[in-house]
Amino acid sequence: MTDLTPILQAVRQASVLCRRVQETHFVRSEKGANDPVTIADYGAQIIIQRAVSQHFPEDAIISEEQSSQFLEILNDEQRVEILRLLSDILGENITQEDAVRWLDQGSGRTTTRTWVIDPVDGTKGFIGMRRYSIAVGVLEDGKIVDGILGSPGHPTPDGLGMIFYTRNGKAFVEPMAGGETRPIHVSDTSDIVAARVVESVVPAHADLEQMARIREAAGILGDVEQVDSQEKYAMVASGEADLYMRLPRSSKDRHWIWDHAAGTAIVEAAGGKVSDVDGSPLDFSLGTTLARNQGMVVSNGHIHERVLEAVQQVRSAT
């Protein structure tokens, strides 16, 4: 198993950067239609890929942001602000050349181990001052084996959030600022009627109407909580929720691996189940997208088969 200690520290540093951007330096740009990006996306990714370059220099990296976007989308003032924040948080002078080198780190390689990074997962949640995640997954030979989800917006007394991660095949959580580490496990709920459900906040991310019909067909009567980002995976893993579904609005919708890799690792390590809508596993071996998968059903495992039956019942009737 991979020692995630240095990457956990990088995720904590990335969380500090994200919080500072939200509080005092918020800047927004656009990669394309309905695709926001902030300076925090680039800053957090630079921090994490710097750590990978220092501790795992031969590994491959698949990440959401690219150095070309950093240079082309952002203006001079925005790049200067990122470099200032990075230098302050990392305690050393960070140049634009450093930033570009780290953003390109591991790109295009084919190696046994691949890091899958989404520096700000749930950017619309980040912009809206809601929840978001800093997500890092680890693939070995195309199989997801480890994950980290930094969740700065997860409710905590100190307001700094939690960090969820895997270690030796188990799942753990601890305060973002450091403190007691405790193991987490999915709930033991088998009563489908009482299942607690989480789903996306942004309607464009999933077919919310179809998922409502599936819940009805399965007999789920409880309320649905809307949460941004892969934190929904963390909530299932820690027993705060029992079910999360993501069914696309169109068969043409793409599922990016960085939106699901870390969360999948943590849920499975916590004893839960992650599958496609037909029950098959998610296939992370095809590059940047889950090209062979139609959607996601994430559960505590105990209710999984009943939900899959409801999925097929509703989908076959449309």
Protein backbone atom coordinates (compact mmCIF):
# COMPACT_ATOMS: atom_id res chain seq x y z
CA MET A 1 0.00 0.00 0.00
CA THR A 2 1.08 3.55 -0.73
CA ASP A 3 2.12 5.76 2.20
CA LEU A 4 -0.25 8.71 1.82
CA THR A 5 1.29 10.77 4.66
CA PRO A 6 2.94 13.46 2.47
CA ILE A 7 -0.13 13.77 0.28
CA LEU A 8 -2.38 14.14 3.32
CA GLN A 9 -0.20 17.06 4.38
CA ALA A 10 -0.47 18.55 0.88
CA VAL A 11 -4.27 18.27 1.00
CA ARG A 12 -4.25 20.11 4.33
CA GLN A 13 -2.12 22.87 2.78
CA ALA A 14 -4.44 22.98 -0.22
CA SER A 15 -7.36 23.40 2.18
CA VAL A 16 -5.68 26.43 3.72
CA LEU A 17 -5.20 27.95 0.27
CA CYS A 18 -8.83 27.31 -0.68
CA ARG A 19 -10.08 28.92 2.51
CA ARG A 20 -7.94 32.01 1.93
CA VAL A 21 -9.22 32.34 -1.62
CA GLN A 22 -12.80 32.10 -0.40
CA GLU A 23 -12.28 34.61 2.38
CA THR A 24 -10.14 37.30 0.80
CA HIS A 25 -8.98 36.62 -2.74
CA PHE A 26 -11.87 35.15 -4.64
CA VAL A 27 -11.25 35.23 -8.40
CA ARG A 28 -13.26 33.38 -11.01
CA SER A 29 -12.59 32.50 -14.66
CA GLU A 30 -14.28 30.16 -17.13
CA LYS A 31 -12.83 27.15 -18.96
CA GLY A 32 -15.97 26.91 -21.09
CA ALA A 33 -19.73 26.97 -20.99
CA ASN A 34 -21.01 26.12 -17.51
CA ASP A 35 -17.47 25.18 -16.43
CA PRO A 36 -16.18 27.58 -13.76
CA VAL A 37 -12.65 27.53 -12.41
CA THR A 38 -11.03 29.59 -9.67
CA ILE A 39 -7.47 30.41 -8.75
CA ALA A 40 -7.94 27.93 -5.91
CA ASP A 41 -8.25 25.07 -8.45
CA TYR A 42 -4.79 25.82 -9.82
CA GLY A 43 -3.22 26.61 -6.45
CA ALA A 44 -4.49 23.44 -4.78
CA GLN A 45 -3.42 21.27 -7.71
CA ILE A 46 0.06 22.80 -7.70
CA ILE A 47 0.45 22.00 -3.99
CA ILE A 48 -0.63 18.38 -4.43
CA GLN A 49 1.38 17.71 -7.58
CA ARG A 50 4.43 19.31 -5.97
CA ALA A 51 4.12 16.74 -3.17
CA VAL A 52 3.74 13.87 -5.65
CA SER A 53 6.81 15.10 -7.57
CA GLN A 54 8.85 15.16 -4.36
CA HIS A 55 7.79 11.78 -2.95
CA PHE A 56 6.67 9.77 -6.00
CA PRO A 57 8.58 11.36 -8.90
CA GLU A 58 8.20 8.44 -11.32
CA ASP A 59 4.43 8.11 -10.98
CA ALA A 60 1.80 9.14 -13.50
CA ILE A 61 -0.78 11.81 -12.74
CA ILE A 62 -4.23 12.43 -14.22
CA SER A 63 -5.62 15.77 -13.08
CA GLU A 64 -8.39 18.15 -13.98
CA GLU A 65 -6.40 21.37 -14.51
CA GLN A 66 -3.54 21.88 -16.97
CA SER A 67 -0.59 24.26 -17.22
CA SER A 68 -1.87 25.51 -20.59
CA GLN A 69 -5.08 26.68 -18.89
CA PHE A 70 -3.06 28.27 -16.09
CA LEU A 71 -1.14 30.30 -18.68
CA GLU A 72 -3.97 31.07 -21.09
CA ILE A 73 -7.15 31.44 -19.03
CA LEU A 74 -5.77 33.39 -16.10
CA ASN A 75 -4.46 36.92 -16.45
CA ASP A 76 -1.15 38.19 -15.06
CA GLU A 77 -2.73 39.51 -11.86
CA GLN A 78 -4.40 36.17 -11.12
CA ARG A 79 -1.18 34.20 -11.66
CA VAL A 80 0.75 36.59 -9.43
CA GLU A 81 -1.87 36.13 -6.70
CA ILE A 82 -1.61 32.33 -6.90
CA LEU A 83 2.18 32.45 -6.65
CA ARG A 84 1.97 34.80 -3.65
CA LEU A 85 -0.44 32.49 -1.84
CA LEU A 86 1.64 29.41 -2.65
CA SER A 87 4.86 31.03 -1.45
CA ASP A 88 3.22 32.05 1.82
CA ILE A 89 1.63 28.65 2.52
CA LEU A 90 4.61 26.52 1.43
CA GLY A 91 7.24 28.76 3.05
CA GLU A 92 9.40 29.16 -0.05
CA ASN A 93 9.52 31.35 -3.12
CA ILE A 94 7.35 29.75 -5.83
CA THR A 95 7.89 30.97 -9.38
CA GLN A 96 5.68 30.66 -12.44
CA GLU A 97 8.17 28.14 -13.84
CA ASP A 98 7.74 26.05 -10.69
CA ALA A 99 3.96 26.19 -11.02
CA VAL A 100 3.99 25.13 -14.67
CA ARG A 101 6.44 22.28 -13.98
CA TRP A 102 4.32 20.89 -11.15
CA LEU A 103 1.07 21.24 -13.13
CA ASP A 104 2.70 19.15 -15.88
CA GLN A 105 4.18 16.62 -13.43
CA GLY A 106 3.43 13.01 -14.41
CA SER A 107 1.22 13.94 -17.36
CA GLY A 108 1.18 11.50 -20.27
CA ARG A 109 3.00 8.74 -18.42
CA THR A 110 1.99 5.10 -18.26
CA THR A 111 3.12 3.58 -14.98
CA THR A 112 1.89 1.04 -12.46
CA ARG A 113 0.71 3.74 -10.07
CA THR A 114 -1.36 6.75 -11.15
CA TRP A 115 -2.56 9.66 -9.01
CA VAL A 116 -5.99 11.05 -9.91
CA ILE A 117 -6.45 14.62 -8.69
CA ASP A 118 -9.40 16.98 -8.54
CA PRO A 119 -8.07 20.01 -6.67
CA VAL A 120 -11.49 21.58 -6.05
CA ASP A 121 -14.22 19.02 -6.61
CA GLY A 122 -17.54 20.84 -6.57
CA THR A 123 -16.31 24.20 -7.82
CA LYS A 124 -19.87 25.57 -7.90
CA GLY A 125 -20.21 24.63 -4.25
CA PHE A 126 -16.90 26.37 -3.55
CA ILE A 127 -18.10 29.49 -5.36
CA GLY A 128 -21.43 29.35 -3.51
CA MET A 129 -19.67 29.01 -0.13
CA ARG A 130 -21.12 25.52 0.28
CA ARG A 131 -19.26 22.21 0.54
CA TYR A 132 -16.48 21.08 -1.78
CA SER A 133 -13.73 18.47 -1.70
CA ILE A 134 -10.03 18.22 -2.45
CA ALA A 135 -9.86 14.77 -4.00
CA VAL A 136 -6.88 12.48 -4.58
CA GLY A 137 -7.27 8.89 -5.76
CA VAL A 138 -4.60 6.25 -6.33
CA LEU A 139 -4.79 3.70 -9.14
CA GLU A 140 -2.59 0.64 -9.43
CA ASP A 141 -2.74 -1.12 -12.79
CA GLY A 142 -6.00 0.68 -13.49
CA LYS A 143 -7.67 -0.39 -10.22
CA ILE A 144 -8.62 2.13 -7.54
CA VAL A 145 -6.79 1.26 -4.32
CA ASP A 146 -6.56 4.39 -2.16
CA GLY A 147 -8.15 7.78 -1.75
CA ILE A 148 -8.13 11.07 0.14
CA LEU A 149 -11.04 13.49 0.40
CA GLY A 150 -10.28 16.76 2.11
CA SER A 151 -13.64 18.29 3.06
CA PRO A 152 -13.12 21.83 4.39
CA GLY A 153 -16.87 22.47 4.47
CA HIS A 154 -17.78 19.36 6.47
CA PRO A 155 -19.56 20.55 9.63
CA THR A 156 -17.13 20.67 12.58
CA PRO A 157 -16.94 22.73 15.79
CA ASP A 158 -13.82 24.57 14.60
CA GLY A 159 -15.27 25.22 11.13
CA LEU A 160 -12.22 23.76 9.38
CA GLY A 161 -13.73 20.49 8.18
CA MET A 162 -12.48 16.91 8.06
CA ILE A 163 -10.18 14.77 5.97
CA PHE A 164 -11.22 11.25 4.97
CA TYR A 165 -8.70 8.71 3.67
CA THR A 166 -7.73 5.08 3.28
CA ARG A 167 -4.87 3.22 4.92
CA ASN A 168 -4.07 -0.48 4.63
CA GLY A 169 -7.48 -1.25 3.18
CA LYS A 170 -9.45 0.59 5.90
CA ALA A 171 -11.10 4.02 5.97
CA PHE A 172 -10.39 6.78 8.47
CA VAL A 173 -11.32 10.38 9.27
CA GLU A 174 -9.62 13.08 11.30
CA PRO A 175 -9.99 16.84 11.75
CA MET A 176 -8.52 18.90 8.94
CA ALA A 177 -6.44 20.83 11.49
CA GLY A 178 -5.15 17.60 13.05
CA GLY A 179 -6.30 15.60 16.03
CA GLU A 180 -7.81 12.25 16.82
CA THR A 181 -7.92 9.73 13.98
CA ARG A 182 -10.83 7.35 14.02
CA PRO A 183 -11.89 4.51 11.72
CA ILE A 184 -15.11 4.89 9.78
CA HIS A 185 -17.55 2.32 8.48
CA VAL A 186 -20.75 2.42 6.48
CA SER A 187 -24.04 2.16 8.33
CA ASP A 188 -25.65 -1.20 9.04
CA THR A 189 -29.05 0.02 7.84
CA SER A 190 -30.92 -2.60 5.85
CA ASP A 191 -34.35 -0.96 6.14
CA ILE A 192 -34.80 0.54 2.68
CA VAL A 193 -37.70 2.72 3.85
CA ALA A 194 -35.46 4.56 6.30
CA ALA A 195 -32.45 4.91 3.98
CA ARG A 196 -30.81 8.35 4.14
CA VAL A 197 -30.07 9.71 0.68
CA VAL A 198 -27.67 12.35 -0.63
CA GLU A 199 -27.64 13.78 -4.14
CA SER A 200 -26.08 16.60 -6.15
CA VAL A 201 -27.07 20.21 -5.61
CA VAL A 202 -26.61 21.20 -9.27
CA PRO A 203 -29.44 19.82 -11.46
CA ALA A 204 -27.17 19.56 -14.50
CA HIS A 205 -25.02 16.95 -12.75
CA ALA A 206 -27.66 14.22 -12.70
CA ASP A 207 -31.22 13.27 -13.66
CA LEU A 208 -32.86 14.23 -10.39
CA GLU A 209 -36.36 13.38 -11.60
CA GLN A 210 -35.41 9.85 -12.62
CA MET A 211 -33.61 9.30 -9.33
CA ALA A 212 -36.76 10.39 -7.48
CA ARG A 213 -38.72 7.73 -9.38
CA ILE A 214 -36.09 5.15 -8.45
CA ARG A 215 -36.36 6.03 -4.77
CA GLU A 216 -40.12 5.68 -5.01
CA ALA A 217 -39.81 2.29 -6.75
CA ALA A 218 -37.35 1.10 -4.11
CA GLY A 219 -39.67 2.21 -1.30
CA ILE A 220 -37.38 4.89 0.12
CA LEU A 221 -39.44 7.43 2.06
CA GLY A 222 -36.82 9.52 3.84
CA ASP A 223 -35.67 13.02 3.03
CA VAL A 224 -32.93 13.72 0.50
CA GLU A 225 -30.02 15.97 1.43
CA GLN A 226 -28.32 17.87 -1.38
CA VAL A 227 -24.54 18.15 -1.05
CA ASP A 228 -21.87 19.31 -3.49
CA SER A 229 -18.82 17.27 -4.48
CA GLN A 230 -17.47 13.85 -3.56
CA GLU A 231 -18.28 14.59 0.05
CA LYS A 232 -21.41 12.54 -0.70
CA TYR A 233 -19.12 9.50 -0.95
CA ALA A 234 -17.54 10.42 2.39
CA MET A 235 -20.98 10.67 3.98
CA VAL A 236 -21.87 7.16 2.83
CA ALA A 237 -18.47 5.86 3.98
CA SER A 238 -18.87 7.37 7.46
CA GLY A 239 -22.47 6.24 7.94
CA GLU A 240 -23.96 9.74 7.68
CA ALA A 241 -25.88 8.62 4.58
CA ASP A 242 -26.87 5.24 3.14
CA LEU A 243 -27.26 5.96 -0.58
CA TYR A 244 -25.95 8.23 -3.30
CA MET A 245 -26.91 7.85 -6.96
CA ARG A 246 -25.64 9.68 -10.00
CA LEU A 247 -27.63 8.93 -13.13
CA PRO A 248 -26.83 11.12 -16.12
CA ARG A 249 -29.39 13.31 -17.84
CA SER A 250 -28.17 12.07 -21.23
CA SER A 251 -26.30 9.04 -22.55
CA LYS A 252 -23.79 11.53 -23.98
CA ASP A 253 -22.82 12.81 -20.52
CA ARG A 254 -19.23 11.99 -19.56
CA HIS A 255 -18.11 10.81 -16.14
CA TRP A 256 -14.60 12.09 -15.33
CA ILE A 257 -12.53 9.73 -13.22
CA TRP A 258 -11.34 12.49 -10.88
CA ASP A 259 -14.98 13.02 -9.82
CA HIS A 260 -15.25 9.45 -8.48
CA ALA A 261 -11.85 7.83 -7.86
CA ALA A 262 -11.09 9.02 -4.32
CA GLY A 263 -14.67 8.59 -3.16
CA THR A 264 -14.90 5.06 -4.53
CA ALA A 265 -11.74 4.02 -2.69
CA ILE A 266 -12.99 5.40 0.62
CA VAL A 267 -16.50 3.91 0.40
CA GLU A 268 -15.16 0.47 -0.49
CA ALA A 269 -12.56 0.62 2.30
CA ALA A 270 -15.38 1.52 4.70
CA GLY A 271 -17.31 -1.61 3.71
CA GLY A 272 -19.69 -0.03 1.22
CA LYS A 273 -20.50 -0.75 -2.39
CA VAL A 274 -19.90 1.32 -5.53
CA SER A 275 -21.17 0.12 -8.89
CA ASP A 276 -22.58 1.09 -12.25
CA VAL A 277 -26.37 1.11 -12.58
CA ASP A 278 -26.25 -2.51 -13.78
CA GLY A 279 -24.16 -3.64 -10.82
CA SER A 280 -20.84 -3.83 -12.67
CA PRO A 281 -17.78 -2.12 -11.16
CA LEU A 282 -16.58 1.30 -12.24
CA ASP A 283 -13.74 0.99 -14.78
CA PHE A 284 -10.92 3.44 -14.05
CA SER A 285 -8.53 1.94 -16.63
CA LEU A 286 -9.62 3.95 -19.69
CA GLY A 287 -7.90 7.29 -19.17
CA THR A 288 -9.74 10.40 -18.07
CA THR A 289 -13.31 9.11 -18.37
CA LEU A 290 -15.39 6.21 -17.09
CA ALA A 291 -16.26 5.49 -20.70
CA ARG A 292 -17.79 2.07 -20.05
CA ASN A 293 -20.02 3.20 -17.19
CA GLN A 294 -23.53 4.67 -17.40
CA GLY A 295 -23.82 6.02 -13.86
CA MET A 296 -23.10 5.37 -10.20
CA VAL A 297 -24.90 3.71 -7.31
CA VAL A 298 -23.07 4.18 -4.01
CA SER A 299 -24.45 2.57 -0.88
CA ASN A 300 -23.75 0.93 2.45
CA GLY A 301 -24.02 -2.40 0.63
CA HIS A 302 -27.00 -3.68 2.59
CA ILE A 303 -29.54 -1.91 0.35
CA HIS A 304 -27.54 -2.07 -2.87
CA GLU A 305 -29.34 -4.89 -4.65
CA ARG A 306 -32.78 -3.46 -3.90
CA VAL A 307 -31.71 -0.10 -5.33
CA LEU A 308 -30.30 -1.75 -8.46
CA GLU A 309 -33.59 -3.58 -8.96
CA ALA A 310 -35.44 -0.25 -8.74
CA VAL A 311 -32.99 1.34 -11.19
CA GLN A 312 -33.65 -1.33 -13.77
CA GLN A 313 -37.41 -1.19 -13.16
CA VAL A 314 -37.54 2.57 -13.79
CA ARG A 315 -35.08 2.61 -16.70
CA SER A 316 -36.84 -0.23 -18.51
CA ALA A 317 -40.15 1.65 -18.27
CA THR A 318 -38.79 4.77 -20.03
